[in-house]
Each structure stands twice: as structure tokens, then as C-alpha cells.
């Protein structure tokens, strides 16, 4: 079985491993500005920046494409599909379905200009 890694959450003060660790890493990747890690200039895509743009078909397409590319940068992710929809004037729901060597996963986020909230992580 492929190991999806283990990390320590400073916020929750506990270890996370397996799928929980991967999903946490993906959420962090999606709220870190591109180049936000000094040692990896290609890391990150800050969803909050896209939500502030006027919502239309072009914005939706770009958000879905950028999220897919960011998630695919994680070597533990084999396949990914992304759907985005406007929840209200200030929030967007981003649904991510993917596949790892251990099986499928789903991650649903509510994104505003100031926060990324996990609605579902399985």
C-alpha cells in the first residue's frame, strides 16, 4: 500500500496521516499564493484571489483549470476533476474529486475573498 504521508498539525496539535494528511496538504496548497514557499516557486494557488473577480463562464473555467493544475502538482494525486459554482455574490463552492494509489477522494470547499472553508473531506 502506498503511504500518503504523515504530518503534524500545529493548529490541532496532533499527527495526521494517510488521506487526512493529503487532503490537508491540498487545502494548504489552494490557499497559498503562488511562489509562497521560498524553496518552490511553482507551489501554490490562492483560491481567494479568483473569487474576488467577477463571476462568469471564463472565471469559472480559469478557476477549475488552475485548481486542477495545482492539485495535480502533488505527486500523490493520480487524477483529478474540479467543478466550481457560485454560491452567492461573495462565495464559490469548489468540488474536487480525485484518485490516489489508495483510492478515490473528495474535497469540497467554500471559498470567499478571505477564507477557504472545508465543507467535506472524504
C-alpha atoms as a PDB file:
ATOM      1  CA  UNK A   1       0.000   0.000   0.000  1.00  0.00           C
ATOM      2  CA  UNK A   2       1.251   3.462  -0.893  1.00  0.00           C
ATOM      3  CA  UNK A   3       1.888   5.793   2.041  1.00  0.00           C
ATOM      4  CA  UNK A   4       0.198   9.195   1.743  1.00  0.00           C
ATOM      5  CA  UNK A   5       2.480  10.614   4.424  1.00  0.00           C
ATOM      6  CA  UNK A   6       2.282  11.857   7.984  1.00  0.00           C
ATOM      7  CA  UNK A   7       2.500  15.417   9.256  1.00  0.00           C
ATOM      8  CA  UNK A   8       1.917  17.284  12.482  1.00  0.00           C
ATOM      9  CA  UNK A   9      -0.835  19.905  12.663  1.00  0.00           C
ATOM     10  CA  UNK A  10       0.240  22.816  14.838  1.00  0.00           C
ATOM     11  CA  UNK A  11      -3.327  24.123  14.902  1.00  0.00           C
ATOM     12  CA  UNK A  12      -4.905  20.850  16.030  1.00  0.00           C
ATOM     13  CA  UNK A  13      -1.764  19.724  17.914  1.00  0.00           C
ATOM     14  CA  UNK A  14      -1.864  16.185  16.571  1.00  0.00           C
ATOM     15  CA  UNK A  15      -0.444  13.979  13.868  1.00  0.00           C
ATOM     16  CA  UNK A  16      -2.304  13.456  10.614  1.00  0.00           C
ATOM     17  CA  UNK A  17      -1.584  10.630   8.243  1.00  0.00           C
ATOM     18  CA  UNK A  18      -2.971   8.934   5.176  1.00  0.00           C
ATOM     19  CA  UNK A  19      -5.834  10.559   3.303  1.00  0.00           C
ATOM     20  CA  UNK A  20      -6.414  13.113   6.080  1.00  0.00           C
ATOM     21  CA  UNK A  21      -2.815  14.306   5.632  1.00  0.00           C
ATOM     22  CA  UNK A  22      -3.158  14.532   1.835  1.00  0.00           C
ATOM     23  CA  UNK A  23      -6.425  16.489   1.988  1.00  0.00           C
ATOM     24  CA  UNK A  24      -4.918  18.929   4.495  1.00  0.00           C
ATOM     25  CA  UNK A  25      -1.921  19.422   2.220  1.00  0.00           C
ATOM     26  CA  UNK A  26      -4.205  20.126  -0.749  1.00  0.00           C
ATOM     27  CA  UNK A  27      -6.180  22.734   1.222  1.00  0.00           C
ATOM     28  CA  UNK A  28      -2.928  24.463   2.208  1.00  0.00           C
ATOM     29  CA  UNK A  29      -1.745  24.378  -1.411  1.00  0.00           C
ATOM     30  CA  UNK A  30      -5.004  26.019  -2.527  1.00  0.00           C
ATOM     31  CA  UNK A  31      -4.714  28.916  -0.095  1.00  0.00           C
ATOM     32  CA  UNK A  32      -1.017  29.647  -0.518  1.00  0.00           C
ATOM     33  CA  UNK A  33      -0.118  32.362  -3.032  1.00  0.00           C
ATOM     34  CA  UNK A  34       1.880  31.029  -5.993  1.00  0.00           C
ATOM     35  CA  UNK A  35       5.544  31.017  -5.003  1.00  0.00           C
ATOM     36  CA  UNK A  36       4.613  31.269  -1.320  1.00  0.00           C
ATOM     37  CA  UNK A  37       7.229  28.683  -0.415  1.00  0.00           C
ATOM     38  CA  UNK A  38      10.719  30.116  -0.770  1.00  0.00           C
ATOM     39  CA  UNK A  39      12.113  26.775  -1.936  1.00  0.00           C
ATOM     40  CA  UNK A  40       9.381  26.023  -4.515  1.00  0.00           C
ATOM     41  CA  UNK A  41       8.348  28.985  -6.716  1.00  0.00           C
ATOM     42  CA  UNK A  42       5.739  26.839  -8.541  1.00  0.00           C
ATOM     43  CA  UNK A  43       3.927  25.840  -5.310  1.00  0.00           C
ATOM     44  CA  UNK A  44       0.512  27.180  -4.511  1.00  0.00           C
ATOM     45  CA  UNK A  45      -2.598  28.752  -5.960  1.00  0.00           C
ATOM     46  CA  UNK A  46      -4.602  31.135  -3.785  1.00  0.00           C
ATOM     47  CA  UNK A  47      -8.272  30.463  -4.498  1.00  0.00           C
ATOM     48  CA  UNK A  48      -9.275  33.574  -2.581  1.00  0.00           C
ATOM     49  CA  UNK A  49      -7.840  35.797  -5.313  1.00  0.00           C
ATOM     50  CA  UNK A  50     -10.026  34.216  -8.020  1.00  0.00           C
ATOM     51  CA  UNK A  51     -13.230  34.630  -6.003  1.00  0.00           C
ATOM     52  CA  UNK A  52     -12.796  38.390  -5.999  1.00  0.00           C
ATOM     53  CA  UNK A  53     -13.039  38.516  -9.821  1.00  0.00           C
ATOM     54  CA  UNK A  54     -16.476  38.993 -11.452  1.00  0.00           C
ATOM     55  CA  UNK A  55     -18.096  35.553 -11.804  1.00  0.00           C
ATOM     56  CA  UNK A  56     -18.736  34.434 -15.367  1.00  0.00           C
ATOM     57  CA  UNK A  57     -18.029  31.399 -17.570  1.00  0.00           C
ATOM     58  CA  UNK A  58     -14.430  32.498 -18.172  1.00  0.00           C
ATOM     59  CA  UNK A  59     -13.721  32.956 -14.453  1.00  0.00           C
ATOM     60  CA  UNK A  60     -15.282  29.562 -13.703  1.00  0.00           C
ATOM     61  CA  UNK A  61     -13.186  27.852 -16.391  1.00  0.00           C
ATOM     62  CA  UNK A  62      -9.967  29.507 -15.210  1.00  0.00           C
ATOM     63  CA  UNK A  63     -10.612  28.652 -11.570  1.00  0.00           C
ATOM     64  CA  UNK A  64     -11.350  24.998 -12.397  1.00  0.00           C
ATOM     65  CA  UNK A  65      -8.270  24.767 -14.632  1.00  0.00           C
ATOM     66  CA  UNK A  66      -5.921  26.408 -12.109  1.00  0.00           C
ATOM     67  CA  UNK A  67      -7.211  24.273  -9.214  1.00  0.00           C
ATOM     68  CA  UNK A  68      -6.797  21.113 -11.274  1.00  0.00           C
ATOM     69  CA  UNK A  69      -3.228  22.059 -12.183  1.00  0.00           C
ATOM     70  CA  UNK A  70      -2.361  22.904  -8.562  1.00  0.00           C
ATOM     71  CA  UNK A  71      -3.788  19.642  -7.205  1.00  0.00           C
ATOM     72  CA  UNK A  72      -2.046  17.609  -9.919  1.00  0.00           C
ATOM     73  CA  UNK A  73       1.302  19.043  -8.756  1.00  0.00           C
ATOM     74  CA  UNK A  74       1.036  16.840  -5.668  1.00  0.00           C
ATOM     75  CA  UNK A  75       2.728  13.562  -6.662  1.00  0.00           C
ATOM     76  CA  UNK A  76       0.283  11.546  -4.535  1.00  0.00           C
ATOM     77  CA  UNK A  77      -2.619  12.553  -6.803  1.00  0.00           C
ATOM     78  CA  UNK A  78      -3.053  10.475  -9.963  1.00  0.00           C
ATOM     79  CA  UNK A  79      -6.239  12.009 -11.405  1.00  0.00           C
ATOM     80  CA  UNK A  80      -8.437  14.977 -10.538  1.00  0.00           C
ATOM     81  CA  UNK A  81     -11.692  16.615 -11.665  1.00  0.00           C
ATOM     82  CA  UNK A  82     -12.788  20.052 -10.482  1.00  0.00           C
ATOM     83  CA  UNK A  83     -16.164  21.802 -10.581  1.00  0.00           C
ATOM     84  CA  UNK A  84     -16.781  25.331  -9.357  1.00  0.00           C
ATOM     85  CA  UNK A  85     -20.096  27.099  -8.836  1.00  0.00           C
ATOM     86  CA  UNK A  86     -21.053  30.432  -7.392  1.00  0.00           C
ATOM     87  CA  UNK A  87     -22.841  30.055  -4.035  1.00  0.00           C
ATOM     88  CA  UNK A  88     -23.674  33.755  -3.661  1.00  0.00           C
ATOM     89  CA  UNK A  89     -22.084  37.065  -4.623  1.00  0.00           C
ATOM     90  CA  UNK A  90     -19.144  36.526  -2.261  1.00  0.00           C
ATOM     91  CA  UNK A  91     -18.569  32.755  -2.205  1.00  0.00           C
ATOM     92  CA  UNK A  92     -17.756  29.935  -4.583  1.00  0.00           C
ATOM     93  CA  UNK A  93     -18.065  26.199  -3.950  1.00  0.00           C
ATOM     94  CA  UNK A  94     -15.157  24.181  -5.354  1.00  0.00           C
ATOM     95  CA  UNK A  95     -15.688  20.414  -5.621  1.00  0.00           C
ATOM     96  CA  UNK A  96     -12.590  18.310  -6.187  1.00  0.00           C
ATOM     97  CA  UNK A  97     -12.752  14.587  -6.935  1.00  0.00           C
ATOM     98  CA  UNK A  98      -9.525  12.727  -7.350  1.00  0.00           C
ATOM     99  CA  UNK A  99      -7.722   9.437  -7.258  1.00  0.00           C
ATOM    100  CA  UNK A 100      -4.635   8.322  -5.360  1.00  0.00           C
ATOM    101  CA  UNK A 101      -2.892   4.960  -5.259  1.00  0.00           C
ATOM    102  CA  UNK A 102      -5.037   4.222  -2.177  1.00  0.00           C
ATOM    103  CA  UNK A 103      -8.304   5.072  -3.908  1.00  0.00           C
ATOM    104  CA  UNK A 104     -10.675   7.981  -4.571  1.00  0.00           C
ATOM    105  CA  UNK A 105     -11.074  11.147  -2.543  1.00  0.00           C
ATOM    106  CA  UNK A 106     -13.435  14.115  -2.489  1.00  0.00           C
ATOM    107  CA  UNK A 107     -12.836  17.608  -1.193  1.00  0.00           C
ATOM    108  CA  UNK A 108     -15.491  20.345  -1.208  1.00  0.00           C
ATOM    109  CA  UNK A 109     -14.501  23.900  -0.301  1.00  0.00           C
ATOM    110  CA  UNK A 110     -16.420  27.128   0.247  1.00  0.00           C
ATOM    111  CA  UNK A 111     -14.175  29.990  -0.813  1.00  0.00           C
ATOM    112  CA  UNK A 112     -14.596  33.696  -0.176  1.00  0.00           C
ATOM    113  CA  UNK A 113     -12.196  36.570  -0.623  1.00  0.00           C
ATOM    114  CA  UNK A 114     -10.901  36.000   2.924  1.00  0.00           C
ATOM    115  CA  UNK A 115     -11.312  32.301   3.724  1.00  0.00           C
ATOM    116  CA  UNK A 116     -11.191  28.731   2.465  1.00  0.00           C
ATOM    117  CA  UNK A 117     -13.600  26.522   4.441  1.00  0.00           C
ATOM    118  CA  UNK A 118     -13.659  22.730   4.143  1.00  0.00           C
ATOM    119  CA  UNK A 119     -17.269  21.614   3.678  1.00  0.00           C
ATOM    120  CA  UNK A 120     -16.459  17.951   3.073  1.00  0.00           C
ATOM    121  CA  UNK A 121     -13.286  15.889   3.030  1.00  0.00           C
ATOM    122  CA  UNK A 122     -13.562  12.164   2.318  1.00  0.00           C
END
